[in-house]
Protein backbone atom coordinates (compact mmCIF):
# COMPACT_ATOMS: atom_id res chain seq x y z
CA MET A 1 -0.18 -0.18 -0.15
CA SER A 2 1.30 3.43 -0.87
CA GLN A 3 1.90 6.01 2.07
CA ALA A 4 1.65 8.46 -0.69
CA THR A 5 -1.58 8.08 -2.24
CA THR A 6 -3.64 7.03 0.91
CA MET A 7 -6.14 9.79 1.90
CA THR A 8 -8.18 9.98 4.86
CA PRO A 9 -11.02 12.11 3.70
CA SER A 10 -12.66 13.95 5.76
CA VAL A 11 -16.70 14.20 6.45
CA GLN A 12 -17.42 16.75 4.29
CA THR A 13 -15.61 14.94 1.75
CA ARG A 14 -17.26 11.37 2.32
CA LEU A 15 -20.56 12.99 1.84
CA GLN A 16 -19.17 14.90 -1.09
CA ARG A 17 -17.98 11.60 -2.59
CA ALA A 18 -21.99 9.94 -1.39
CA LEU A 19 -23.44 12.72 -3.47
CA MET A 20 -21.33 12.13 -6.28
CA ARG A 21 -21.51 8.32 -6.53
CA GLY A 22 -25.41 8.83 -6.76
CA ALA A 23 -24.72 11.10 -9.66
CA GLY A 24 -22.37 8.53 -11.24
CA ARG A 25 -25.32 5.94 -10.86
CA ILE A 26 -27.59 7.85 -13.30
CA PRO A 27 -28.33 5.87 -16.16
CA PRO A 28 -26.22 7.63 -19.41
CA THR A 29 -29.99 6.92 -21.28
CA LEU A 30 -30.98 9.21 -18.88
CA TRP A 31 -28.09 11.98 -19.20
CA GLN A 32 -28.56 11.34 -22.91
CA ILE A 33 -31.98 12.91 -22.32
CA ILE A 34 -31.14 15.29 -19.93
CA GLY A 35 -28.06 16.43 -22.34
CA GLN A 36 -30.29 17.52 -25.32
CA ARG A 37 -31.00 20.76 -25.08
CA GLY A 38 -26.64 21.40 -23.52
CA ARG A 39 -24.38 23.72 -25.04
CA VAL A 40 -23.25 23.18 -28.70
CA ASN A 41 -19.69 24.23 -29.34
CA ALA A 42 -18.39 26.30 -32.74
CA ASP A 43 -17.57 22.80 -33.75
CA GLY A 44 -21.21 21.39 -33.53
CA ASP A 45 -19.99 19.16 -30.03
CA ARG A 46 -22.38 19.47 -27.65
CA LEU A 47 -21.60 19.29 -23.96
CA ALA A 48 -22.49 16.40 -21.68
CA PRO A 49 -25.20 17.53 -19.11
CA GLU A 50 -22.29 16.09 -15.96
CA MET A 51 -19.53 18.05 -17.74
CA ALA A 52 -21.85 21.41 -17.32
CA LEU A 53 -22.45 20.68 -14.05
CA THR A 54 -18.95 19.90 -13.19
CA GLY A 55 -18.25 23.55 -15.09
CA LEU A 56 -20.64 25.07 -13.01
CA ILE A 57 -19.91 23.73 -9.92
CA ALA A 58 -16.05 25.06 -10.34
CA HIS A 59 -17.56 28.50 -10.81
CA LYS A 60 -19.39 28.65 -8.14
CA MET A 61 -17.50 26.60 -6.12
CA PRO A 62 -14.22 27.95 -5.16
CA ALA A 63 -12.94 24.96 -3.50
CA PHE A 64 -13.59 23.37 -7.44
CA ALA A 65 -11.44 26.39 -9.00
CA LEU A 66 -8.21 25.01 -10.12
CA GLY A 67 -5.99 28.25 -9.56
CA GLY A 68 -6.20 31.79 -8.47
CA LYS A 69 -5.38 31.31 -4.96
CA PRO A 70 -2.62 30.82 -2.50
CA VAL A 71 -0.81 28.27 -3.94
CA ALA A 72 -0.99 25.70 -0.37
CA GLN A 73 -4.57 25.92 -0.43
CA ALA A 74 -5.09 25.28 -4.56
CA ARG A 75 -3.10 22.06 -3.52
CA ALA A 76 -5.03 21.07 -0.64
CA ASP A 77 -7.83 21.99 -2.43
CA VAL A 78 -7.07 19.79 -5.33
CA THR A 79 -6.00 16.40 -3.34
CA GLU A 80 -9.62 17.01 -1.59
CA ASN A 81 -11.32 16.87 -4.82
CA ALA A 82 -9.31 14.01 -5.65
CA ALA A 83 -10.92 12.16 -2.82
CA THR A 84 -14.32 13.19 -3.42
CA LEU A 85 -14.11 11.75 -7.41
CA ALA A 86 -12.33 8.51 -6.58
CA GLU A 87 -13.92 5.54 -7.28
CA ARG A 88 -13.71 2.15 -5.65
CA LEU A 89 -11.19 -0.02 -7.86
CA PRO A 90 -9.77 -3.30 -7.12
CA ALA A 91 -6.48 -3.68 -5.18
CA MET A 92 -3.00 -3.81 -7.05
CA ALA A 93 -0.85 -6.79 -6.82
CA VAL A 94 1.99 -4.10 -6.40
CA GLU A 95 1.73 -0.41 -4.86
CA GLU A 96 5.37 0.60 -4.06
CA ASP A 97 6.74 3.58 -3.11
CA LEU A 98 9.83 4.60 -4.74
CA VAL A 99 12.70 7.59 -4.69
CA ILE A 100 14.09 8.44 -8.19
CA ASP A 101 17.64 10.56 -7.91
CA GLY A 102 16.96 13.00 -9.80
CA PRO A 103 19.27 16.00 -10.87
CA ALA A 104 18.46 18.15 -7.89
CA GLY A 105 17.76 15.50 -5.27
CA ALA A 106 15.18 12.77 -4.33
CA ILE A 107 12.17 12.42 -6.95
CA PRO A 108 9.13 10.56 -5.06
CA ALA A 109 7.07 8.18 -7.05
CA THR A 110 5.12 5.33 -6.38
CA ARG A 111 4.55 2.09 -8.96
CA TYR A 112 1.22 0.48 -9.56
CA ARG A 113 1.02 -3.06 -10.93
CA ALA A 114 -2.39 -4.68 -11.14
CA GLN A 115 -1.73 -8.05 -12.11
CA VAL A 116 1.28 -10.36 -10.84
CA ASP A 117 2.87 -10.08 -14.55
CA SER A 118 3.08 -6.94 -16.74
CA ALA A 119 2.41 -5.99 -19.70
CA GLY A 120 5.27 -3.25 -20.31
CA LEU A 121 5.56 -0.23 -17.93
CA VAL A 122 4.25 3.41 -18.35
CA VAL A 123 6.13 6.60 -17.01
CA PHE A 124 2.85 8.94 -16.10
CA PHE A 125 3.74 12.61 -15.14
CA HIS A 126 0.07 13.97 -13.62
CA GLY A 127 -1.50 17.74 -14.52
CA GLY A 128 -1.97 20.68 -11.99
CA GLY A 129 -0.47 23.47 -14.10
CA PHE A 130 3.19 22.57 -12.80
CA VAL A 131 1.79 24.42 -9.44
CA VAL A 132 -0.88 22.09 -8.15
CA GLY A 133 -1.26 18.38 -8.06
CA ASP A 134 0.49 15.22 -7.49
CA ARG A 135 0.64 11.13 -7.44
CA ALA A 136 -2.38 11.09 -4.51
CA SER A 137 -4.50 13.77 -6.95
CA HIS A 138 -4.09 11.41 -9.82
CA ASP A 139 -4.18 7.83 -7.88
CA ASN A 140 -7.71 7.01 -9.48
CA LEU A 141 -6.58 7.49 -13.02
CA VAL A 142 -3.48 6.01 -12.29
CA ARG A 143 -4.97 2.53 -10.92
CA ARG A 144 -7.53 2.52 -13.88
CA LEU A 145 -4.78 2.37 -16.56
CA ALA A 146 -3.05 -0.19 -14.60
CA LEU A 147 -6.18 -2.52 -14.43
CA SER A 148 -6.96 -1.31 -18.44
CA THR A 149 -2.98 -1.80 -19.41
CA GLY A 150 -2.45 -4.72 -17.45
CA ALA A 151 1.10 -2.80 -17.32
CA ASP A 152 2.97 -1.31 -14.52
CA ILE A 153 2.22 2.66 -14.46
CA LEU A 154 5.23 4.91 -12.80
CA SER A 155 3.77 7.63 -11.29
CA VAL A 156 5.83 10.52 -10.56
CA ASP A 157 5.97 13.11 -8.16
CA TYR A 158 8.01 15.98 -10.67
CA ARG A 159 9.41 19.45 -8.52
CA LEU A 160 6.53 22.13 -8.65
CA ALA A 161 6.83 25.94 -9.29
CA PRO A 162 6.32 28.52 -7.38
CA GLU A 163 9.69 26.63 -5.30
CA HIS A 164 10.76 25.24 -8.29
CA ARG A 165 10.07 26.80 -11.61
CA PHE A 166 11.05 25.98 -15.21
CA PRO A 167 12.92 24.29 -16.07
CA ALA A 168 12.80 21.48 -12.99
CA ALA A 169 9.63 19.69 -14.03
CA VAL A 170 11.17 18.97 -17.19
CA ASP A 171 14.95 17.87 -15.63
CA ASP A 172 12.73 15.54 -13.33
CA ALA A 173 10.40 14.20 -15.90
CA VAL A 174 13.71 13.44 -18.09
CA ALA A 175 14.80 11.48 -14.78
CA ALA A 176 12.45 9.88 -14.15
CA TRP A 177 12.28 8.17 -17.77
CA ARG A 178 15.63 7.04 -17.68
CA PHE A 179 15.33 5.85 -14.24
CA ALA A 180 12.38 3.51 -15.32
CA VAL A 181 14.61 2.46 -18.53
CA ASP A 182 17.34 1.27 -16.28
CA LYS A 183 14.90 -0.69 -13.42
CA ALA A 184 12.46 -2.16 -16.04
CA PRO A 185 14.90 -5.69 -16.75
CA HIS A 186 14.66 -5.86 -12.65
CA TRP A 187 11.24 -5.42 -12.47
CA GLY A 188 10.59 -7.80 -15.50
CA VAL A 189 9.63 -5.59 -18.33
CA SER A 190 11.78 -5.52 -21.77
CA THR A 191 12.44 -1.85 -22.68
CA ASP A 192 10.67 -2.19 -25.83
CA ARG A 193 7.66 -2.00 -23.84
CA LEU A 194 7.79 1.32 -22.34
CA ALA A 195 5.27 4.15 -22.92
CA VAL A 196 5.19 7.99 -21.96
CA ALA A 197 2.19 9.37 -20.76
CA GLY A 198 0.24 12.31 -18.73
CA ASP A 199 -2.63 14.72 -18.58
CA SER A 200 -2.19 18.61 -19.13
CA ALA A 201 0.73 19.63 -17.65
CA GLY A 202 1.83 16.24 -17.53
CA GLY A 203 0.60 15.75 -20.98
CA ASN A 204 3.52 18.44 -21.71
CA LEU A 205 5.91 16.65 -19.95
CA ALA A 206 5.10 13.44 -21.35
CA ALA A 207 6.03 15.48 -25.10
CA VAL A 208 8.96 17.25 -23.70
CA VAL A 209 10.63 13.91 -22.96
CA SER A 210 9.75 12.25 -26.26
CA GLN A 211 11.73 15.04 -27.87
CA GLN A 212 14.92 14.62 -24.90
CA VAL A 213 15.49 11.22 -25.37
CA ARG A 214 14.62 11.08 -29.00
CA ASP A 215 18.37 10.12 -29.38
CA ASP A 216 18.70 7.58 -25.93
CA ALA A 217 19.03 3.85 -27.02
CA VAL A 218 15.56 3.16 -25.54
CA THR A 219 12.64 5.60 -26.29
CA PRO A 220 9.26 5.35 -25.86
CA CYS A 221 6.95 3.21 -27.56
CA LEU A 222 4.15 5.30 -27.44
CA GLN A 223 3.62 8.92 -26.20
CA MET A 224 -0.13 9.47 -24.80
CA LEU A 225 -0.82 12.92 -24.27
CA ILE A 226 -3.81 13.79 -22.49
CA TYR A 227 -5.61 17.15 -23.29
CA PRO A 228 -1.69 18.30 -23.11
CA VAL A 229 -0.05 22.18 -22.63
CA VAL A 230 2.00 22.43 -26.04
CA ASP A 231 2.39 26.17 -26.72
CA SER A 232 2.79 28.62 -24.28
CA THR A 233 2.80 31.69 -26.22
CA THR A 234 0.05 32.31 -28.74
CA LYS A 235 -4.13 32.16 -27.86
CA ARG A 236 -5.67 29.99 -30.38
CA ALA A 237 -9.42 30.14 -30.70
CA SER A 238 -10.56 27.42 -28.16
CA ARG A 239 -8.92 29.84 -25.32
CA ARG A 240 -11.19 32.08 -25.88
CA GLU A 241 -14.80 30.18 -26.65
CA PHE A 242 -13.98 28.38 -23.56
CA ALA A 243 -12.34 31.28 -21.36
CA GLU A 244 -14.64 30.55 -18.37
CA ARG A 245 -17.39 28.03 -17.07
CA HIS A 246 -15.41 24.49 -17.91
CA TYR A 247 -13.81 24.20 -14.89
CA LEU A 248 -10.19 25.63 -16.33
CA THR A 249 -10.31 29.23 -17.58
CA ASP A 250 -7.95 31.18 -19.61
CA GLU A 251 -7.53 33.46 -16.28
CA GLN A 252 -6.25 29.88 -14.72
CA ILE A 253 -3.93 29.04 -17.35
CA ASP A 254 -2.32 32.65 -17.28
CA TRP A 255 -2.13 32.04 -13.51
CA TYR A 256 -0.20 28.86 -13.85
CA LEU A 257 2.35 29.94 -16.57
CA ASP A 258 3.16 33.23 -14.91
CA THR A 259 4.01 31.03 -11.70
CA TYR A 260 5.97 28.01 -13.83
CA VAL A 261 7.68 30.54 -16.48
CA PRO A 262 7.45 34.08 -15.21
CA ASP A 263 9.93 35.34 -17.61
CA GLU A 264 8.29 35.26 -20.92
CA ALA A 265 12.03 34.95 -22.91
CA HIS A 266 11.77 31.48 -22.02
CA ARG A 267 7.80 30.17 -23.06
CA ALA A 268 8.85 29.84 -26.59
CA ASP A 269 11.69 27.28 -25.55
CA PRO A 270 10.44 23.27 -26.67
CA ARG A 271 10.71 22.04 -23.21
CA VAL A 272 8.07 24.88 -22.42
CA SER A 273 5.84 24.76 -25.85
CA PRO A 274 6.58 21.31 -27.56
CA LEU A 275 4.32 22.71 -30.44
CA LEU A 276 7.51 24.85 -31.40
CA ALA A 277 10.20 22.54 -31.81
CA ASP A 278 12.45 22.74 -34.94
CA ASP A 279 12.05 19.57 -35.98
CA LEU A 280 9.48 16.64 -34.93
CA ALA A 281 10.65 13.50 -37.27
CA GLY A 282 11.71 10.48 -35.70
CA LEU A 283 9.68 11.00 -32.36
CA ALA A 284 7.81 8.18 -30.78
CA PRO A 285 4.23 7.03 -31.95
CA ALA A 286 1.66 9.58 -30.48
CA TYR A 287 -2.42 9.01 -29.05
CA VAL A 288 -3.41 12.50 -28.53
CA ILE A 289 -6.77 12.94 -26.66
CA VAL A 290 -8.67 16.54 -26.69
CA ALA A 291 -11.61 17.63 -25.03
CA GLY A 292 -14.26 19.63 -26.93
CA PHE A 293 -15.13 22.34 -24.28
CA ASP A 294 -10.78 22.79 -23.24
CA PRO A 295 -9.55 25.63 -23.56
CA LEU A 296 -6.33 24.00 -24.85
CA ARG A 297 -8.32 21.92 -27.58
CA ASP A 298 -6.67 23.62 -30.12
CA GLU A 299 -2.86 23.56 -29.36
CA GLY A 300 -3.49 19.84 -28.64
CA ILE A 301 -5.02 19.47 -32.21
CA ALA A 302 -1.86 21.66 -33.48
CA TYR A 303 0.65 19.45 -31.95
CA ALA A 304 -1.23 16.34 -33.46
CA ASP A 305 -0.99 18.01 -36.87
CA ARG A 306 2.59 19.08 -36.84
CA LEU A 307 3.46 15.51 -35.56
CA LYS A 308 1.36 14.31 -38.63
CA GLN A 309 3.44 16.14 -41.19
CA ALA A 310 6.71 15.14 -39.60
CA GLY A 311 5.97 11.89 -40.31
CA VAL A 312 4.99 10.80 -36.61
CA PRO A 313 2.46 7.94 -36.72
CA VAL A 314 -0.51 10.24 -34.68
CA THR A 315 -4.20 9.32 -33.47
CA LEU A 316 -6.02 12.24 -32.94
CA ASP A 317 -8.85 11.65 -29.96
CA ARG A 318 -11.57 14.24 -30.00
CA ALA A 319 -13.58 13.83 -26.81
CA GLY A 320 -16.13 16.65 -27.86
CA SER A 321 -18.27 16.35 -25.05
CA LEU A 322 -15.88 16.40 -22.35
CA ILE A 323 -14.06 19.24 -20.61
CA HIS A 324 -10.55 19.71 -19.22
CA ALA A 325 -9.43 17.11 -16.66
CA PHE A 326 -12.43 14.39 -17.13
CA ALA A 327 -9.54 12.11 -17.27
CA ASN A 328 -10.02 12.30 -13.34
CA MET A 329 -13.89 12.74 -13.50
CA THR A 330 -14.95 9.06 -14.71
CA LEU A 331 -16.70 8.46 -11.24
CA ILE A 332 -19.87 10.57 -12.31
CA SER A 333 -19.36 10.59 -16.42
CA PRO A 334 -20.31 7.78 -18.80
CA ASP A 335 -18.53 9.36 -21.55
CA ALA A 336 -15.44 10.14 -19.48
CA ARG A 337 -15.09 6.55 -18.49
CA ALA A 338 -15.34 5.66 -21.93
CA ALA A 339 -12.67 8.19 -23.32
CA VAL A 340 -10.55 6.83 -20.64
CA ASP A 341 -11.20 3.35 -21.75
CA ARG A 342 -9.81 4.25 -25.24
CA ILE A 343 -6.64 5.52 -23.85
CA GLY A 344 -5.90 2.62 -21.96
CA ALA A 345 -6.81 0.41 -24.50
CA ALA A 346 -4.57 2.19 -26.77
CA LEU A 347 -1.80 2.21 -24.24
CA ALA A 348 -1.91 -1.88 -24.07
CA TYR A 349 -2.25 -2.12 -27.92
CA ALA A 350 1.32 -0.13 -27.99
CA LEU A 351 2.77 -2.22 -25.28
CA ARG A 352 2.25 -5.25 -27.06
C-alpha cells in the first residue's frame, strides 16, 4: 500500500463523494435526455450534462477552482477534490513508493501493477499546471490505467512551481524516464515496452520527454498526451471560446504559466512549448486526446497535426462532449469513462 497516495477523507469529503457516486449511477440514457438541450460549441460538439454541472460547480464553488488562489490552498483543494471523485477500484498486486535519484535530489514516485505479470511500463506525469497536483490527486486515473493496460504505471511527483520553476519539472521528468529504463528489466519488463503518458501539464512533460530522449538507446513506444499543454506563446480560438465556466479557465491558465515560467522569453523554449520545436521527425508514435470544451483543445490538435506532418504516426481522439480534466471524472461521467477506456486500450495495444 502506498503511503503517499493513501488519503483519509474528511466528513465533508465523504458526503460529497456519496453525492458524486449517486450522480455516477444515473443511467447514461437519462444523461442523454437531460443533455439534449446542452451547449453546442463552434465545432458542433454537444456538452455532456454532467460536464456542464461540473463546470458550474467549479465556477460557483471556490474549492473546485483550479487556480488563482494561494498555492498551498490550491494544492490542498486539489487533493480533497480528488478524494471526492475517487472510484472504488480493485487492489493492486504491486503498489510501492519509490525514490528516484534526480538532478536536484530525490524525486518521489509510486509504481502500480494490477496483476502478477506485467505487459509493460508506463511513466506517468500528473497534471496541475506545474503548480498543483501529485500522485494522490491522480491515484484514481493511474489505478484505472494499471487495470486496463495490465502494465506497470510509474507515477512521478516532479518538482512544482513556484518553489521550483522551469526547467525543474522537465529535468525531473527526463530523469524519471531514464530511471524507468534502468529499472524495467529488474521489474520483469522489456525495455521495448515502455511508454510515456500524462495529462495537461503532465501531457506537456510526456511530449517534452519524448523530444528530449529521441536519441537515447531506449525511446517510448508511445507518447500518450491527454489534453496536453503544448504552446504557451499563443492563445488559439478554443482559449477564447472556453475562457470561462468549463472548469479550466483562461485566467487560471495565465496564473499557472506566470507561476511556472514567469520569464516570457523562456515560453518559446520547446521544453515549455513542444509544438515550437524545429524538428519533430523521428519521435515516438503519439495518441493525442483532446476535450471538445477545453481551452487547450486547439493547441493539442495543432500538435497532432505537426507530428503527422513530420511523419510521426498519430491518433487524434476528439472527445467532443467533455471538458478539461475529464480523466479524473470517471466516477460521474459515462463519456469520461469511455474516453479513459480508449486511452487504456491504446496504451495496451502499443505495449504488445
